[in-house]
């Protein structure tokens, strides 16, 4: 009803959804990086 109120339930829900998207992206990035680390290590050891 009062869409100007930043603490209205609807606004909170949107913020939560945005935060969830960001968290998911960070999680995917973390997984990607952890998957890449062994590849980098192997590449480095092969070069020597």
Protein backbone atom coordinates (compact mmCIF):
# COMPACT_ATOMS: atom_id res chain seq x y z
CA UNK A 1 0.00 0.00 0.00
CA UNK A 2 2.71 2.52 1.00
CA UNK A 3 5.24 1.88 -1.74
CA UNK A 4 7.39 4.80 -0.55
CA UNK A 5 8.17 3.02 2.70
CA UNK A 6 11.52 1.23 2.17
CA UNK A 7 10.64 -1.26 4.91
CA UNK A 8 7.36 -2.30 3.33
CA UNK A 9 7.05 -6.12 2.91
CA UNK A 10 7.02 -5.90 -0.87
CA UNK A 11 10.23 -3.87 -0.96
CA UNK A 12 11.87 -6.27 1.50
CA UNK A 13 10.96 -9.22 -0.71
CA UNK A 14 12.54 -7.58 -3.75
CA UNK A 15 15.71 -6.87 -1.77
CA UNK A 16 15.81 -10.49 -0.62
CA UNK A 17 15.43 -11.74 -4.18
CA UNK A 18 18.23 -9.45 -5.38
CA UNK A 19 20.49 -10.61 -2.54
CA UNK A 20 19.72 -14.23 -3.36
CA UNK A 21 20.70 -13.68 -6.99
CA UNK A 22 23.96 -12.06 -5.90
CA UNK A 23 24.67 -14.91 -3.48
CA UNK A 24 24.01 -17.51 -6.17
CA UNK A 25 26.35 -15.69 -8.55
CA UNK A 26 29.05 -15.52 -5.90
CA UNK A 27 28.58 -19.21 -5.15
CA UNK A 28 28.91 -20.11 -8.84
CA UNK A 29 32.02 -17.94 -9.10
CA UNK A 30 33.50 -19.66 -6.05
CA UNK A 31 32.80 -23.11 -7.48
CA UNK A 32 34.27 -22.07 -10.82
CA UNK A 33 37.40 -20.72 -9.17
CA UNK A 34 37.87 -23.79 -6.96
CA UNK A 35 37.48 -25.97 -10.05
CA UNK A 36 40.12 -23.91 -11.87
CA UNK A 37 42.72 -23.95 -9.08
CA UNK A 38 43.85 -27.61 -9.67
CA UNK A 39 44.10 -26.90 -13.40
CA UNK A 40 46.37 -23.93 -12.70
CA UNK A 41 48.44 -26.00 -10.28
CA UNK A 42 48.82 -28.82 -12.80
CA UNK A 43 49.68 -26.35 -15.55
CA UNK A 44 52.32 -24.74 -13.35
CA UNK A 45 53.88 -28.08 -12.40
CA UNK A 46 53.88 -29.28 -16.03
CA UNK A 47 55.68 -26.12 -17.16
CA UNK A 48 58.59 -26.90 -14.82
